[in-house]
Each structure stands twice: as structure tokens, then as C-alpha cells.
Amino acid sequence: VEREKRMFGPFKKHRVLFVIAILFCALASAVTIGAAFVLQSILDAVTGSDWTRLNQMTLVVVIYVLLAAIIIAGSSLVEKKLIVKTMESIRLDLYRGILSQYTEKFRQTNTGDYLSALTNDVKIIEDNILVPLLQAIQSALVFLMAVVALFYFSPFIAGIMLVCLVAMYLIPASLGKPIGTRQEAY
């Protein structure tokens, strides 16, 4: 729980915007996975020589693309707004922290260190924490929705995929320590 507080801490002041960003993220993920269903319908119409259905799917595709564009654009805008607001909060907190120092301590620290903290260090937080965290959430949502869709299409193939994923994780994890020990000895 403590780790989660630290991970999502920067978004604490902007909870509503964070929730809206996650909702848009979920919608964008659903649109991404939904494209597979639309493509399946188109392929079924083509392979079945169902030209009436193919004409209907043309209209569905146009509406779907417009809807997807709106959702993805909205998701991007909300995500950018969340990052900007969060970065403003971090900079303001840092600025207040610098100004609340005792005069003696303030003078002992190089001005360049303060400038670096307000610019470079905050940019590192954005690039290495905030943006990857939001991308990880979106990737996790796409993955979960893809697994659900795969179970819908073929539970057998979905089961095989999950077994392979577990094997892909366990094999390197079980070999990591012995290889690390040997590498360190080398």
C-alpha cells in the first residue's frame, strides 16, 4: 500500500483528472481491441460473399473510425492536461520548499542546484515516472481486454497463450540468479 501511495503520489492533487484520464485510457483500449471485432465482421462478410453485410460494415467502419479518433484524441488531451497539472504541482511544491528554507541553508546551496531541481530534475520525473506510468496503465488495460477478447474467440488458444506467458516469465526468473552469480564471478 505504501509503494502505491508513492507511485501515484504525484497525481494525488489531481484525483478527478487522473480518474478521467484512466477512463479515457480504458475507452481507448476498448477501441483498440474493438477494431479486431470490426475486422472480423468485414472478413466474414468478404469470405461469405455477403455484399449487403459488407456495405453495412462500410458504414460501421466510418462511424467506428470517427468514434475512435474522438476517443483517442480525448484520451491524449486529458493525459497531457494531467501531466501538465501534475508537473505544475511538483514545481510549485519544490519552489515552496526552496523558499521555506532558512536563509543560511539557502545561501549554502548553489543557485545552479535549485535551477537544476526546478528544470532538469522535474523533467526527469515527467519522462521517467509520470509518462511511463500512464503508458503502463494503458498497456495493462489493452492486455487485459485482449485476453478477454481472446477467451471470447478461442478459450483453448487463450489458455495456451497464458501458459506461454507464465513460462516466459518463470524460465528467465529461475535462471536469473545463477546467471547473475556466474556473471559476477566472471
C-alpha atoms as a PDB file:
ATOM      1  CA  VAL A   1       0.000   0.000   0.000  1.00  0.00           C
ATOM      2  CA  GLU A   2       2.868   2.375   0.852  1.00  0.00           C
ATOM      3  CA  ARG A   3       4.502   1.722  -2.529  1.00  0.00           C
ATOM      4  CA  GLU A   4       1.231   2.507  -4.343  1.00  0.00           C
ATOM      5  CA  LYS A   5       0.946   5.782  -2.418  1.00  0.00           C
ATOM      6  CA  ARG A   6       4.417   6.785  -3.588  1.00  0.00           C
ATOM      7  CA  MET A   7       3.780   5.651  -7.170  1.00  0.00           C
ATOM      8  CA  PHE A   8       0.506   7.532  -7.555  1.00  0.00           C
ATOM      9  CA  GLY A   9       1.526  10.339  -5.163  1.00  0.00           C
ATOM     10  CA  PRO A  10       2.215  12.923  -7.867  1.00  0.00           C
ATOM     11  CA  PHE A  11      -1.391  12.574  -9.063  1.00  0.00           C
ATOM     12  CA  LYS A  12      -2.838  13.000  -5.548  1.00  0.00           C
ATOM     13  CA  LYS A  13      -3.777  16.649  -6.048  1.00  0.00           C
ATOM     14  CA  HIS A  14      -5.485  15.890  -9.346  1.00  0.00           C
ATOM     15  CA  ARG A  15      -7.513  12.776  -8.492  1.00  0.00           C
ATOM     16  CA  VAL A  16     -10.528  13.690 -10.604  1.00  0.00           C
ATOM     17  CA  LEU A  17      -8.393  14.391 -13.665  1.00  0.00           C
ATOM     18  CA  PHE A  18      -6.468  11.151 -13.010  1.00  0.00           C
ATOM     19  CA  VAL A  19      -9.716   9.138 -12.881  1.00  0.00           C
ATOM     20  CA  ILE A  20     -10.936  10.812 -16.088  1.00  0.00           C
ATOM     21  CA  ALA A  21      -7.582  10.010 -17.739  1.00  0.00           C
ATOM     22  CA  ILE A  22      -7.898   6.351 -16.683  1.00  0.00           C
ATOM     23  CA  LEU A  23     -11.473   6.213 -18.001  1.00  0.00           C
ATOM     24  CA  PHE A  24     -10.365   7.657 -21.351  1.00  0.00           C
ATOM     25  CA  CYS A  25      -7.463   5.228 -21.302  1.00  0.00           C
ATOM     26  CA  ALA A  26      -9.894   2.339 -20.821  1.00  0.00           C
ATOM     27  CA  LEU A  27     -12.077   3.632 -23.660  1.00  0.00           C
ATOM     28  CA  ALA A  28      -9.048   3.966 -25.956  1.00  0.00           C
ATOM     29  CA  SER A  29      -8.013   0.430 -25.049  1.00  0.00           C
ATOM     30  CA  ALA A  30     -11.513  -0.837 -25.786  1.00  0.00           C
ATOM     31  CA  VAL A  31     -11.469   0.924 -29.157  1.00  0.00           C
ATOM     32  CA  THR A  32      -8.129  -0.711 -29.953  1.00  0.00           C
ATOM     33  CA  ILE A  33      -9.448  -4.176 -29.120  1.00  0.00           C
ATOM     34  CA  GLY A  34     -12.804  -3.453 -30.757  1.00  0.00           C
ATOM     35  CA  ALA A  35     -11.036  -2.965 -34.072  1.00  0.00           C
ATOM     36  CA  ALA A  36     -10.406  -6.734 -34.120  1.00  0.00           C
ATOM     37  CA  PHE A  37     -14.142  -7.395 -33.908  1.00  0.00           C
ATOM     38  CA  VAL A  38     -14.852  -4.927 -36.710  1.00  0.00           C
ATOM     39  CA  LEU A  39     -12.162  -6.511 -38.886  1.00  0.00           C
ATOM     40  CA  GLN A  40     -13.572  -9.960 -38.135  1.00  0.00           C
ATOM     41  CA  SER A  41     -17.006  -8.858 -39.327  1.00  0.00           C
ATOM     42  CA  ILE A  42     -15.523  -7.434 -42.516  1.00  0.00           C
ATOM     43  CA  LEU A  43     -13.559 -10.617 -43.207  1.00  0.00           C
ATOM     44  CA  ASP A  44     -16.625 -12.756 -42.513  1.00  0.00           C
ATOM     45  CA  ALA A  45     -18.627 -10.670 -44.987  1.00  0.00           C
ATOM     46  CA  VAL A  46     -15.924 -10.903 -47.658  1.00  0.00           C
ATOM     47  CA  THR A  47     -15.263 -14.626 -47.251  1.00  0.00           C
ATOM     48  CA  GLY A  48     -19.011 -15.342 -47.151  1.00  0.00           C
ATOM     49  CA  SER A  49     -19.628 -13.152 -50.221  1.00  0.00           C
ATOM     50  CA  ASP A  50     -22.242 -11.268 -48.196  1.00  0.00           C
ATOM     51  CA  TRP A  51     -22.147  -7.967 -50.085  1.00  0.00           C
ATOM     52  CA  THR A  52     -25.084  -6.483 -48.189  1.00  0.00           C
ATOM     53  CA  ARG A  53     -23.263  -7.039 -44.904  1.00  0.00           C
ATOM     54  CA  LEU A  54     -20.053  -5.644 -46.398  1.00  0.00           C
ATOM     55  CA  ASN A  55     -21.889  -2.438 -47.396  1.00  0.00           C
ATOM     56  CA  GLN A  56     -23.286  -2.181 -43.855  1.00  0.00           C
ATOM     57  CA  MET A  57     -19.806  -2.723 -42.438  1.00  0.00           C
ATOM     58  CA  THR A  58     -18.526   0.180 -44.537  1.00  0.00           C
ATOM     59  CA  LEU A  59     -20.852   2.497 -42.639  1.00  0.00           C
ATOM     60  CA  VAL A  60     -19.872   0.841 -39.344  1.00  0.00           C
ATOM     61  CA  VAL A  61     -16.178   1.356 -40.154  1.00  0.00           C
ATOM     62  CA  VAL A  62     -16.681   5.052 -40.912  1.00  0.00           C
ATOM     63  CA  ILE A  63     -18.574   5.584 -37.653  1.00  0.00           C
ATOM     64  CA  TYR A  64     -16.042   3.456 -35.764  1.00  0.00           C
ATOM     65  CA  VAL A  65     -13.069   5.407 -37.114  1.00  0.00           C
ATOM     66  CA  LEU A  66     -14.699   8.728 -36.192  1.00  0.00           C
ATOM     67  CA  LEU A  67     -15.552   7.457 -32.712  1.00  0.00           C
ATOM     68  CA  ALA A  68     -12.055   6.042 -32.269  1.00  0.00           C
ATOM     69  CA  ALA A  69     -10.472   9.320 -33.355  1.00  0.00           C
ATOM     70  CA  ILE A  70     -12.575  11.285 -30.863  1.00  0.00           C
ATOM     71  CA  ILE A  71     -11.794   8.882 -28.008  1.00  0.00           C
ATOM     72  CA  ILE A  72      -8.066   8.683 -28.747  1.00  0.00           C
ATOM     73  CA  ALA A  73      -7.798  12.466 -29.149  1.00  0.00           C
ATOM     74  CA  GLY A  74      -9.733  12.970 -25.909  1.00  0.00           C
ATOM     75  CA  SER A  75      -7.525  10.465 -24.140  1.00  0.00           C
ATOM     76  CA  SER A  76      -4.396  12.209 -25.364  1.00  0.00           C
ATOM     77  CA  LEU A  77      -5.686  15.647 -24.349  1.00  0.00           C
ATOM     78  CA  VAL A  78      -6.714  14.535 -20.866  1.00  0.00           C
ATOM     79  CA  GLU A  79      -3.408  12.710 -20.365  1.00  0.00           C
ATOM     80  CA  LYS A  80      -1.420  15.784 -21.421  1.00  0.00           C
ATOM     81  CA  LYS A  81      -3.519  18.033 -19.173  1.00  0.00           C
ATOM     82  CA  LEU A  82      -2.950  15.653 -16.255  1.00  0.00           C
ATOM     83  CA  ILE A  83       0.793  15.661 -16.832  1.00  0.00           C
ATOM     84  CA  VAL A  84       0.927  19.466 -17.134  1.00  0.00           C
ATOM     85  CA  LYS A  85      -1.141  19.980 -13.961  1.00  0.00           C
ATOM     86  CA  THR A  86       0.918  17.408 -12.068  1.00  0.00           C
ATOM     87  CA  MET A  87       4.194  18.979 -13.211  1.00  0.00           C
ATOM     88  CA  GLU A  88       2.921  22.405 -12.126  1.00  0.00           C
ATOM     89  CA  SER A  89       2.097  20.990  -8.685  1.00  0.00           C
ATOM     90  CA  ILE A  90       5.506  19.341  -8.353  1.00  0.00           C
ATOM     91  CA  ARG A  91       7.305  22.529  -9.372  1.00  0.00           C
ATOM     92  CA  LEU A  92       5.180  24.637  -7.009  1.00  0.00           C
ATOM     93  CA  ASP A  93       5.845  22.256  -4.094  1.00  0.00           C
ATOM     94  CA  LEU A  94       9.542  22.286  -4.881  1.00  0.00           C
ATOM     95  CA  TYR A  95       9.554  26.082  -5.163  1.00  0.00           C
ATOM     96  CA  ARG A  96       7.781  26.430  -1.817  1.00  0.00           C
ATOM     97  CA  GLY A  97      10.246  24.001  -0.269  1.00  0.00           C
ATOM     98  CA  ILE A  98      13.173  26.041  -1.523  1.00  0.00           C
ATOM     99  CA  LEU A  99      11.688  29.319  -0.288  1.00  0.00           C
ATOM    100  CA  SER A 100      10.802  27.881   3.127  1.00  0.00           C
ATOM    101  CA  GLN A 101      14.445  27.107   3.929  1.00  0.00           C
ATOM    102  CA  TYR A 102      16.325  29.110   6.486  1.00  0.00           C
ATOM    103  CA  THR A 103      18.348  31.885   4.914  1.00  0.00           C
ATOM    104  CA  GLU A 104      21.642  30.321   5.990  1.00  0.00           C
ATOM    105  CA  LYS A 105      20.839  26.950   4.427  1.00  0.00           C
ATOM    106  CA  PHE A 106      19.514  28.671   1.294  1.00  0.00           C
ATOM    107  CA  ARG A 107      22.794  30.550   0.842  1.00  0.00           C
ATOM    108  CA  GLN A 108      24.895  27.419   1.374  1.00  0.00           C
ATOM    109  CA  THR A 109      23.327  25.706  -1.622  1.00  0.00           C
ATOM    110  CA  ASN A 110      24.448  26.690  -5.086  1.00  0.00           C
ATOM    111  CA  THR A 111      21.812  28.533  -7.132  1.00  0.00           C
ATOM    112  CA  GLY A 112      22.503  26.129 -10.016  1.00  0.00           C
ATOM    113  CA  ASP A 113      21.299  23.244  -7.843  1.00  0.00           C
ATOM    114  CA  TYR A 114      17.974  24.999  -7.321  1.00  0.00           C
ATOM    115  CA  LEU A 115      17.618  25.737 -11.029  1.00  0.00           C
ATOM    116  CA  SER A 116      18.531  22.157 -11.888  1.00  0.00           C
ATOM    117  CA  ALA A 117      15.911  20.834  -9.461  1.00  0.00           C
ATOM    118  CA  LEU A 118      13.215  23.093 -10.912  1.00  0.00           C
ATOM    119  CA  THR A 119      14.030  22.241 -14.530  1.00  0.00           C
ATOM    120  CA  ASN A 120      16.134  19.128 -15.191  1.00  0.00           C
ATOM    121  CA  ASP A 121      15.131  17.046 -12.187  1.00  0.00           C
ATOM    122  CA  VAL A 122      11.436  17.759 -12.643  1.00  0.00           C
ATOM    123  CA  LYS A 123      11.732  16.864 -16.351  1.00  0.00           C
ATOM    124  CA  ILE A 124      13.319  13.554 -15.335  1.00  0.00           C
ATOM    125  CA  ILE A 125      10.317  12.875 -13.086  1.00  0.00           C
ATOM    126  CA  GLU A 126       7.995  13.562 -16.002  1.00  0.00           C
ATOM    127  CA  ASP A 127       9.928  11.464 -18.521  1.00  0.00           C
ATOM    128  CA  ASN A 128      10.836   8.562 -16.235  1.00  0.00           C
ATOM    129  CA  ILE A 129       7.855   8.321 -13.885  1.00  0.00           C
ATOM    130  CA  LEU A 130       4.672  10.099 -14.968  1.00  0.00           C
ATOM    131  CA  VAL A 131       4.572   9.308 -18.694  1.00  0.00           C
ATOM    132  CA  PRO A 132       5.723   5.670 -18.318  1.00  0.00           C
ATOM    133  CA  LEU A 133       3.204   5.114 -15.509  1.00  0.00           C
ATOM    134  CA  LEU A 134       0.314   6.278 -17.687  1.00  0.00           C
ATOM    135  CA  GLN A 135       1.621   4.200 -20.606  1.00  0.00           C
ATOM    136  CA  ALA A 136       1.922   1.149 -18.358  1.00  0.00           C
ATOM    137  CA  ILE A 137      -1.669   1.567 -17.209  1.00  0.00           C
ATOM    138  CA  GLN A 138      -2.865   1.798 -20.812  1.00  0.00           C
ATOM    139  CA  SER A 139      -0.778  -1.208 -21.857  1.00  0.00           C
ATOM    140  CA  ALA A 140      -2.141  -3.221 -18.934  1.00  0.00           C
ATOM    141  CA  LEU A 141      -5.708  -2.317 -19.918  1.00  0.00           C
ATOM    142  CA  VAL A 142      -5.099  -3.273 -23.556  1.00  0.00           C
ATOM    143  CA  PHE A 143      -3.549  -6.553 -22.419  1.00  0.00           C
ATOM    144  CA  LEU A 144      -6.455  -7.403 -20.105  1.00  0.00           C
ATOM    145  CA  MET A 145      -9.027  -6.560 -22.751  1.00  0.00           C
ATOM    146  CA  ALA A 146      -7.089  -8.572 -25.345  1.00  0.00           C
ATOM    147  CA  VAL A 147      -7.048 -11.586 -23.016  1.00  0.00           C
ATOM    148  CA  VAL A 148     -10.810 -11.280 -22.502  1.00  0.00           C
ATOM    149  CA  ALA A 149     -11.330 -10.976 -26.271  1.00  0.00           C
ATOM    150  CA  LEU A 150      -9.082 -13.963 -26.879  1.00  0.00           C
ATOM    151  CA  PHE A 151     -11.057 -16.045 -24.385  1.00  0.00           C
ATOM    152  CA  TYR A 152     -14.202 -14.949 -26.226  1.00  0.00           C
ATOM    153  CA  PHE A 153     -12.825 -16.066 -29.606  1.00  0.00           C
ATOM    154  CA  SER A 154     -10.964 -19.212 -28.520  1.00  0.00           C
ATOM    155  CA  PRO A 155     -10.572 -20.292 -24.899  1.00  0.00           C
ATOM    156  CA  PHE A 156      -8.135 -23.028 -25.982  1.00  0.00           C
ATOM    157  CA  ILE A 157      -5.733 -20.600 -27.674  1.00  0.00           C
ATOM    158  CA  ALA A 158      -6.123 -18.158 -24.774  1.00  0.00           C
ATOM    159  CA  GLY A 159      -5.159 -20.914 -22.336  1.00  0.00           C
ATOM    160  CA  ILE A 160      -2.096 -21.797 -24.409  1.00  0.00           C
ATOM    161  CA  MET A 161      -1.138 -18.117 -24.531  1.00  0.00           C
ATOM    162  CA  LEU A 162      -1.389 -17.770 -20.750  1.00  0.00           C
ATOM    163  CA  VAL A 163       0.722 -20.911 -20.204  1.00  0.00           C
ATOM    164  CA  CYS A 164       3.355 -19.500 -22.599  1.00  0.00           C
ATOM    165  CA  LEU A 165       3.323 -16.150 -20.781  1.00  0.00           C
ATOM    166  CA  VAL A 166       3.867 -17.864 -17.442  1.00  0.00           C
ATOM    167  CA  ALA A 167       6.716 -19.917 -18.961  1.00  0.00           C
ATOM    168  CA  MET A 168       8.252 -16.775 -20.487  1.00  0.00           C
ATOM    169  CA  TYR A 169       8.289 -15.237 -17.018  1.00  0.00           C
ATOM    170  CA  LEU A 170       9.349 -18.256 -14.952  1.00  0.00           C
ATOM    171  CA  ILE A 171      12.216 -19.508 -17.120  1.00  0.00           C
ATOM    172  CA  PRO A 172      14.230 -16.248 -17.077  1.00  0.00           C
ATOM    173  CA  ALA A 173      13.338 -15.687 -13.411  1.00  0.00           C
ATOM    174  CA  SER A 174      14.623 -19.134 -12.439  1.00  0.00           C
ATOM    175  CA  LEU A 175      17.831 -18.706 -14.450  1.00  0.00           C
ATOM    176  CA  GLY A 176      18.455 -15.098 -13.455  1.00  0.00           C
ATOM    177  CA  LYS A 177      20.108 -15.740 -10.093  1.00  0.00           C
ATOM    178  CA  PRO A 178      22.527 -18.498 -11.268  1.00  0.00           C
ATOM    179  CA  ILE A 179      23.466 -16.481 -14.344  1.00  0.00           C
ATOM    180  CA  GLY A 180      23.926 -13.361 -12.216  1.00  0.00           C
ATOM    181  CA  THR A 181      26.173 -15.243  -9.790  1.00  0.00           C
ATOM    182  CA  ARG A 182      28.294 -16.617 -12.633  1.00  0.00           C
ATOM    183  CA  GLN A 183      28.477 -13.221 -14.315  1.00  0.00           C
ATOM    184  CA  GLU A 184      29.583 -11.587 -11.076  1.00  0.00           C
ATOM    185  CA  ALA A 185      32.245 -14.275 -10.571  1.00  0.00           C
ATOM    186  CA  TYR A 186      33.436 -13.805 -14.137  1.00  0.00           C
END
